[in-house]
Amino acid sequence: MCKKAEMQFSVFLIHQLSQNWNMSPREVYQILDKTHILDDYIIKHYDVLHTMGEQSLVEDITEFVKEKQAV
């Protein structure tokens, strides 16, 4: 189950990605959910990911999504 901090982090990251990808937050959420990146990577590895800088996070997630051919 997702904790409050993990949820807030996920929402923050979705909004950062939506700005970077020029998509709506809903579209970004759908991509992250469909590829299981949201649950299996972002939430699962919250403890490490939340210590990274904003730009590093966006780049990291963008590359991960590209590897899964979702963007």
PDB file of N, CA and C in Angstrom:
ATOM      1  N   MET A   1       0.841  -1.183   0.000  1.00  0.00           N
ATOM      2  CA  MET A   1       0.000   0.000   0.000  1.00  0.00           C
ATOM      3  C   MET A   1       0.884   1.245   0.000  1.00  0.00           C
ATOM      4  N   CYS A   2       0.466   2.222  -0.735  1.00  0.00           N
ATOM      5  CA  CYS A   2       1.210   3.460  -0.907  1.00  0.00           C
ATOM      6  C   CYS A   2       1.005   4.389   0.295  1.00  0.00           C
ATOM      7  N   LYS A   3       2.103   4.905   0.822  1.00  0.00           N
ATOM      8  CA  LYS A   3       2.036   5.848   1.933  1.00  0.00           C
ATOM      9  C   LYS A   3       1.831   7.262   1.400  1.00  0.00           C
ATOM     10  N   LYS A   4       1.475   8.175   2.284  1.00  0.00           N
ATOM     11  CA  LYS A   4       1.196   9.556   1.894  1.00  0.00           C
ATOM     12  C   LYS A   4       2.395  10.194   1.192  1.00  0.00           C
ATOM     13  N   ALA A   5       3.585  10.024   1.735  1.00  0.00           N
ATOM     14  CA  ALA A   5       4.783  10.628   1.133  1.00  0.00           C
ATOM     15  C   ALA A   5       5.036  10.074  -0.257  1.00  0.00           C
ATOM     16  N   GLU A   6       4.821   8.770  -0.429  1.00  0.00           N
ATOM     17  CA  GLU A   6       5.016   8.150  -1.739  1.00  0.00           C
ATOM     18  C   GLU A   6       3.989   8.670  -2.739  1.00  0.00           C
ATOM     19  N   MET A   7       2.763   8.865  -2.278  1.00  0.00           N
ATOM     20  CA  MET A   7       1.713   9.392  -3.134  1.00  0.00           C
ATOM     21  C   MET A   7       2.034  10.822  -3.556  1.00  0.00           C
ATOM     22  N   GLN A   8       2.452  11.649  -2.611  1.00  0.00           N
ATOM     23  CA  GLN A   8       2.804  13.032  -2.922  1.00  0.00           C
ATOM     24  C   GLN A   8       3.975  13.091  -3.903  1.00  0.00           C
ATOM     25  N   PHE A   9       4.955  12.244  -3.691  1.00  0.00           N
ATOM     26  CA  PHE A   9       6.109  12.178  -4.586  1.00  0.00           C
ATOM     27  C   PHE A   9       5.670  11.766  -5.984  1.00  0.00           C
ATOM     28  N   SER A  10       4.799  10.775  -6.072  1.00  0.00           N
ATOM     29  CA  SER A  10       4.310  10.295  -7.366  1.00  0.00           C
ATOM     30  C   SER A  10       3.561  11.394  -8.108  1.00  0.00           C
ATOM     31  N   VAL A  11       2.722  12.130  -7.409  1.00  0.00           N
ATOM     32  CA  VAL A  11       1.968  13.233  -8.019  1.00  0.00           C
ATOM     33  C   VAL A  11       2.930  14.316  -8.497  1.00  0.00           C
ATOM     34  N   PHE A  12       3.899  14.656  -7.665  1.00  0.00           N
ATOM     35  CA  PHE A  12       4.915  15.643  -8.044  1.00  0.00           C
ATOM     36  C   PHE A  12       5.632  15.202  -9.320  1.00  0.00           C
ATOM     37  N   LEU A  13       6.063  13.958  -9.340  1.00  0.00           N
ATOM     38  CA  LEU A  13       6.817  13.451 -10.479  1.00  0.00           C
ATOM     39  C   LEU A  13       5.957  13.406 -11.744  1.00  0.00           C
ATOM     40  N   ILE A  14       4.717  13.017 -11.623  1.00  0.00           N
ATOM     41  CA  ILE A  14       3.799  12.997 -12.771  1.00  0.00           C
ATOM     42  C   ILE A  14       3.665  14.404 -13.356  1.00  0.00           C
ATOM     43  N   HIS A  15       3.547  15.401 -12.503  1.00  0.00           N
ATOM     44  CA  HIS A  15       3.434  16.780 -12.998  1.00  0.00           C
ATOM     45  C   HIS A  15       4.727  17.263 -13.645  1.00  0.00           C
ATOM     46  N   GLN A  16       5.858  16.884 -13.086  1.00  0.00           N
ATOM     47  CA  GLN A  16       7.134  17.265 -13.703  1.00  0.00           C
ATOM     48  C   GLN A  16       7.283  16.606 -15.072  1.00  0.00           C
ATOM     49  N   LEU A  17       6.928  15.338 -15.164  1.00  0.00           N
ATOM     50  CA  LEU A  17       7.003  14.626 -16.443  1.00  0.00           C
ATOM     51  C   LEU A  17       6.016  15.209 -17.448  1.00  0.00           C
ATOM     52  N   SER A  18       4.843  15.588 -16.998  1.00  0.00           N
ATOM     53  CA  SER A  18       3.846  16.128 -17.927  1.00  0.00           C
ATOM     54  C   SER A  18       4.344  17.436 -18.544  1.00  0.00           C
ATOM     55  N   GLN A  19       5.023  18.244 -17.767  1.00  0.00           N
ATOM     56  CA  GLN A  19       5.591  19.481 -18.315  1.00  0.00           C
ATOM     57  C   GLN A  19       6.712  19.166 -19.302  1.00  0.00           C
ATOM     58  N   ASN A  20       7.553  18.224 -18.939  1.00  0.00           N
ATOM     59  CA  ASN A  20       8.692  17.864 -19.776  1.00  0.00           C
ATOM     60  C   ASN A  20       8.258  17.183 -21.071  1.00  0.00           C
ATOM     61  N   TRP A  21       7.244  16.343 -21.007  1.00  0.00           N
ATOM     62  CA  TRP A  21       6.777  15.585 -22.170  1.00  0.00           C
ATOM     63  C   TRP A  21       5.681  16.309 -22.953  1.00  0.00           C
ATOM     64  N   ASN A  22       5.258  17.477 -22.474  1.00  0.00           N
ATOM     65  CA  ASN A  22       4.162  18.224 -23.101  1.00  0.00           C
ATOM     66  C   ASN A  22       2.905  17.372 -23.228  1.00  0.00           C
ATOM     67  N   MET A  23       2.559  16.735 -22.134  1.00  0.00           N
ATOM     68  CA  MET A  23       1.362  15.899 -22.046  1.00  0.00           C
ATOM     69  C   MET A  23       0.590  16.302 -20.800  1.00  0.00           C
ATOM     70  N   SER A  24      -0.647  15.878 -20.743  1.00  0.00           N
ATOM     71  CA  SER A  24      -1.426  16.119 -19.528  1.00  0.00           C
ATOM     72  C   SER A  24      -0.958  15.154 -18.435  1.00  0.00           C
ATOM     73  N   PRO A  25      -1.142  15.516 -17.169  1.00  0.00           N
ATOM     74  CA  PRO A  25      -0.810  14.584 -16.097  1.00  0.00           C
ATOM     75  C   PRO A  25      -1.551  13.251 -16.248  1.00  0.00           C
ATOM     76  N   ARG A  26      -2.769  13.298 -16.735  1.00  0.00           N
ATOM     77  CA  ARG A  26      -3.538  12.065 -16.935  1.00  0.00           C
ATOM     78  C   ARG A  26      -2.850  11.138 -17.946  1.00  0.00           C
ATOM     79  N   GLU A  27      -2.354  11.712 -19.037  1.00  0.00           N
ATOM     80  CA  GLU A  27      -1.659  10.904 -20.055  1.00  0.00           C
ATOM     81  C   GLU A  27      -0.381  10.286 -19.486  1.00  0.00           C
ATOM     82  N   VAL A  28       0.352  11.082 -18.705  1.00  0.00           N
ATOM     83  CA  VAL A  28       1.581  10.581 -18.084  1.00  0.00           C
ATOM     84  C   VAL A  28       1.244   9.452 -17.114  1.00  0.00           C
ATOM     85  N   TYR A  29       0.230   9.663 -16.285  1.00  0.00           N
ATOM     86  CA  TYR A  29      -0.189   8.619 -15.349  1.00  0.00           C
ATOM     87  C   TYR A  29      -0.525   7.332 -16.101  1.00  0.00           C
ATOM     88  N   GLN A  30      -1.256   7.445 -17.189  1.00  0.00           N
ATOM     89  CA  GLN A  30      -1.653   6.262 -17.951  1.00  0.00           C
ATOM     90  C   GLN A  30      -0.441   5.515 -18.490  1.00  0.00           C
ATOM     91  N   ILE A  31       0.571   6.244 -18.955  1.00  0.00           N
ATOM     92  CA  ILE A  31       1.799   5.612 -19.450  1.00  0.00           C
ATOM     93  C   ILE A  31       2.530   4.909 -18.309  1.00  0.00           C
ATOM     94  N   LEU A  32       2.682   5.610 -17.194  1.00  0.00           N
ATOM     95  CA  LEU A  32       3.406   5.018 -16.056  1.00  0.00           C
ATOM     96  C   LEU A  32       2.660   3.822 -15.476  1.00  0.00           C
ATOM     97  N   ASP A  33       1.351   3.888 -15.478  1.00  0.00           N
ATOM     98  CA  ASP A  33       0.548   2.777 -14.971  1.00  0.00           C
ATOM     99  C   ASP A  33       0.588   1.591 -15.928  1.00  0.00           C
ATOM    100  N   LYS A  34       0.417   1.861 -17.203  1.00  0.00           N
ATOM    101  CA  LYS A  34       0.401   0.795 -18.217  1.00  0.00           C
ATOM    102  C   LYS A  34       1.723   0.018 -18.258  1.00  0.00           C
ATOM    103  N   THR A  35       2.820   0.730 -18.081  1.00  0.00           N
ATOM    104  CA  THR A  35       4.140   0.100 -18.125  1.00  0.00           C
ATOM    105  C   THR A  35       4.578  -0.443 -16.764  1.00  0.00           C
ATOM    106  N   HIS A  36       3.746  -0.226 -15.749  1.00  0.00           N
ATOM    107  CA  HIS A  36       4.024  -0.650 -14.374  1.00  0.00           C
ATOM    108  C   HIS A  36       5.194   0.094 -13.739  1.00  0.00           C
ATOM    109  N   ILE A  37       5.628   1.172 -14.369  1.00  0.00           N
ATOM    110  CA  ILE A  37       6.722   1.969 -13.820  1.00  0.00           C
ATOM    111  C   ILE A  37       6.289   2.658 -12.533  1.00  0.00           C
ATOM    112  N   LEU A  38       5.041   3.062 -12.461  1.00  0.00           N
ATOM    113  CA  LEU A  38       4.563   3.758 -11.269  1.00  0.00           C
ATOM    114  C   LEU A  38       4.670   2.870 -10.032  1.00  0.00           C
ATOM    115  N   ASP A  39       4.103   1.688 -10.093  1.00  0.00           N
ATOM    116  CA  ASP A  39       4.114   0.794  -8.923  1.00  0.00           C
ATOM    117  C   ASP A  39       5.445   0.077  -8.729  1.00  0.00           C
ATOM    118  N   ASP A  40       5.989  -0.464  -9.815  1.00  0.00           N
ATOM    119  CA  ASP A  40       7.168  -1.322  -9.710  1.00  0.00           C
ATOM    120  C   ASP A  40       8.492  -0.572  -9.636  1.00  0.00           C
ATOM    121  N   TYR A  41       8.467   0.710  -9.929  1.00  0.00           N
ATOM    122  CA  TYR A  41       9.718   1.465  -9.879  1.00  0.00           C
ATOM    123  C   TYR A  41       9.599   2.712  -8.999  1.00  0.00           C
ATOM    124  N   ILE A  42       8.679   3.606  -9.331  1.00  0.00           N
ATOM    125  CA  ILE A  42       8.591   4.881  -8.608  1.00  0.00           C
ATOM    126  C   ILE A  42       8.192   4.673  -7.153  1.00  0.00           C
ATOM    127  N   ILE A  43       7.123   3.958  -6.924  1.00  0.00           N
ATOM    128  CA  ILE A  43       6.673   3.742  -5.545  1.00  0.00           C
ATOM    129  C   ILE A  43       7.574   2.739  -4.829  1.00  0.00           C
ATOM    130  N   LYS A  44       7.934   1.683  -5.515  1.00  0.00           N
ATOM    131  CA  LYS A  44       8.771   0.639  -4.898  1.00  0.00           C
ATOM    132  C   LYS A  44      10.132   1.185  -4.457  1.00  0.00           C
ATOM    133  N   HIS A  45      10.700   2.086  -5.254  1.00  0.00           N
ATOM    134  CA  HIS A  45      12.036   2.615  -4.966  1.00  0.00           C
ATOM    135  C   HIS A  45      12.000   4.068  -4.495  1.00  0.00           C
ATOM    136  N   TYR A  46      10.895   4.441  -3.897  1.00  0.00           N
ATOM    137  CA  TYR A  46      10.713   5.808  -3.394  1.00  0.00           C
ATOM    138  C   TYR A  46      11.873   6.248  -2.507  1.00  0.00           C
ATOM    139  N   ASP A  47      12.320   5.378  -1.608  1.00  0.00           N
ATOM    140  CA  ASP A  47      13.366   5.740  -0.647  1.00  0.00           C
ATOM    141  C   ASP A  47      14.619   6.276  -1.336  1.00  0.00           C
ATOM    142  N   VAL A  48      14.968   5.710  -2.482  1.00  0.00           N
ATOM    143  CA  VAL A  48      16.147   6.166  -3.220  1.00  0.00           C
ATOM    144  C   VAL A  48      15.787   7.316  -4.153  1.00  0.00           C
ATOM    145  N   LEU A  49      14.690   7.174  -4.884  1.00  0.00           N
ATOM    146  CA  LEU A  49      14.333   8.152  -5.905  1.00  0.00           C
ATOM    147  C   LEU A  49      14.061   9.544  -5.336  1.00  0.00           C
ATOM    148  N   HIS A  50      13.461   9.622  -4.167  1.00  0.00           N
ATOM    149  CA  HIS A  50      13.114  10.950  -3.651  1.00  0.00           C
ATOM    150  C   HIS A  50      14.338  11.760  -3.230  1.00  0.00           C
ATOM    151  N   THR A  51      15.505  11.128  -3.192  1.00  0.00           N
ATOM    152  CA  THR A  51      16.728  11.855  -2.861  1.00  0.00           C
ATOM    153  C   THR A  51      17.402  12.444  -4.100  1.00  0.00           C
ATOM    154  N   MET A  52      16.925  12.061  -5.276  1.00  0.00           N
ATOM    155  CA  MET A  52      17.514  12.541  -6.526  1.00  0.00           C
ATOM    156  C   MET A  52      16.996  13.934  -6.862  1.00  0.00           C
ATOM    157  N   GLY A  53      17.752  14.654  -7.657  1.00  0.00           N
ATOM    158  CA  GLY A  53      17.322  15.960  -8.122  1.00  0.00           C
ATOM    159  C   GLY A  53      16.199  15.835  -9.135  1.00  0.00           C
ATOM    160  N   GLU A  54      15.440  16.906  -9.268  1.00  0.00           N
ATOM    161  CA  GLU A  54      14.276  16.917 -10.161  1.00  0.00           C
ATOM    162  C   GLU A  54      14.641  16.554 -11.599  1.00  0.00           C
ATOM    163  N   GLN A  55      15.681  17.180 -12.139  1.00  0.00           N
ATOM    164  CA  GLN A  55      16.069  16.922 -13.527  1.00  0.00           C
ATOM    165  C   GLN A  55      16.556  15.486 -13.707  1.00  0.00           C
ATOM    166  N   SER A  56      17.302  14.984 -12.750  1.00  0.00           N
ATOM    167  CA  SER A  56      17.771  13.597 -12.823  1.00  0.00           C
ATOM    168  C   SER A  56      16.603  12.618 -12.821  1.00  0.00           C
ATOM    169  N   LEU A  57      15.609  12.909 -12.013  1.00  0.00           N
ATOM    170  CA  LEU A  57      14.416  12.057 -11.967  1.00  0.00           C
ATOM    171  C   LEU A  57      13.693  12.037 -13.308  1.00  0.00           C
ATOM    172  N   VAL A  58      13.489  13.222 -13.875  1.00  0.00           N
ATOM    173  CA  VAL A  58      12.791  13.317 -15.163  1.00  0.00           C
ATOM    174  C   VAL A  58      13.565  12.552 -16.224  1.00  0.00           C
ATOM    175  N   GLU A  59      14.866  12.731 -16.266  1.00  0.00           N
ATOM    176  CA  GLU A  59      15.692  12.027 -17.255  1.00  0.00           C
ATOM    177  C   GLU A  59      15.651  10.523 -17.024  1.00  0.00           C
ATOM    178  N   ASP A  60      15.753  10.103 -15.781  1.00  0.00           N
ATOM    179  CA  ASP A  60      15.744   8.683 -15.433  1.00  0.00           C
ATOM    180  C   ASP A  60      14.432   8.012 -15.851  1.00  0.00           C
ATOM    181  N   ILE A  61      13.328   8.623 -15.482  1.00  0.00           N
ATOM    182  CA  ILE A  61      12.021   8.047 -15.810  1.00  0.00           C
ATOM    183  C   ILE A  61      11.779   8.094 -17.309  1.00  0.00           C
ATOM    184  N   THR A  62      12.188   9.172 -17.967  1.00  0.00           N
ATOM    185  CA  THR A  62      12.021   9.282 -19.413  1.00  0.00           C
ATOM    186  C   THR A  62      12.763   8.159 -20.130  1.00  0.00           C
ATOM    187  N   GLU A  63      13.986   7.900 -19.726  1.00  0.00           N
ATOM    188  CA  GLU A  63      14.762   6.816 -20.344  1.00  0.00           C
ATOM    189  C   GLU A  63      14.121   5.456 -20.075  1.00  0.00           C
ATOM    190  N   PHE A  64      13.637   5.267 -18.862  1.00  0.00           N
ATOM    191  CA  PHE A  64      12.993   4.003 -18.505  1.00  0.00           C
ATOM    192  C   PHE A  64      11.749   3.781 -19.360  1.00  0.00           C
ATOM    193  N   VAL A  65      10.967   4.825 -19.547  1.00  0.00           N
ATOM    194  CA  VAL A  65       9.756   4.710 -20.376  1.00  0.00           C
ATOM    195  C   VAL A  65      10.136   4.419 -21.822  1.00  0.00           C
ATOM    196  N   LYS A  66      11.176   5.089 -22.328  1.00  0.00           N
ATOM    197  CA  LYS A  66      11.617   4.843 -23.704  1.00  0.00           C
ATOM    198  C   LYS A  66      12.056   3.388 -23.876  1.00  0.00           C
ATOM    199  N   GLU A  67      12.735   2.852 -22.879  1.00  0.00           N
ATOM    200  CA  GLU A  67      13.147   1.455 -22.936  1.00  0.00           C
ATOM    201  C   GLU A  67      11.939   0.532 -23.050  1.00  0.00           C
ATOM    202  N   LYS A  68      10.861   0.921 -22.415  1.00  0.00           N
ATOM    203  CA  LYS A  68       9.636   0.130 -22.469  1.00  0.00           C
ATOM    204  C   LYS A  68       8.780   0.517 -23.677  1.00  0.00           C
ATOM    205  N   GLN A  69       9.297   1.445 -24.486  1.00  0.00           N
ATOM    206  CA  GLN A  69       8.657   1.885 -25.734  1.00  0.00           C
ATOM    207  C   GLN A  69       7.248   2.412 -25.513  1.00  0.00           C
ATOM    208  N   ALA A  70       7.102   3.227 -24.494  1.00  0.00           N
ATOM    209  CA  ALA A  70       5.778   3.759 -24.189  1.00  0.00           C
ATOM    210  C   ALA A  70       5.622   5.219 -24.619  1.00  0.00           C
ATOM    211  N   VAL A  71       6.725   5.883 -24.920  1.00  0.00           N
ATOM    212  CA  VAL A  71       6.619   7.290 -25.344  1.00  0.00           C
ATOM    213  C   VAL A  71       7.041   7.397 -26.780  1.00  0.00           C
TER     214      VAL A  71
END
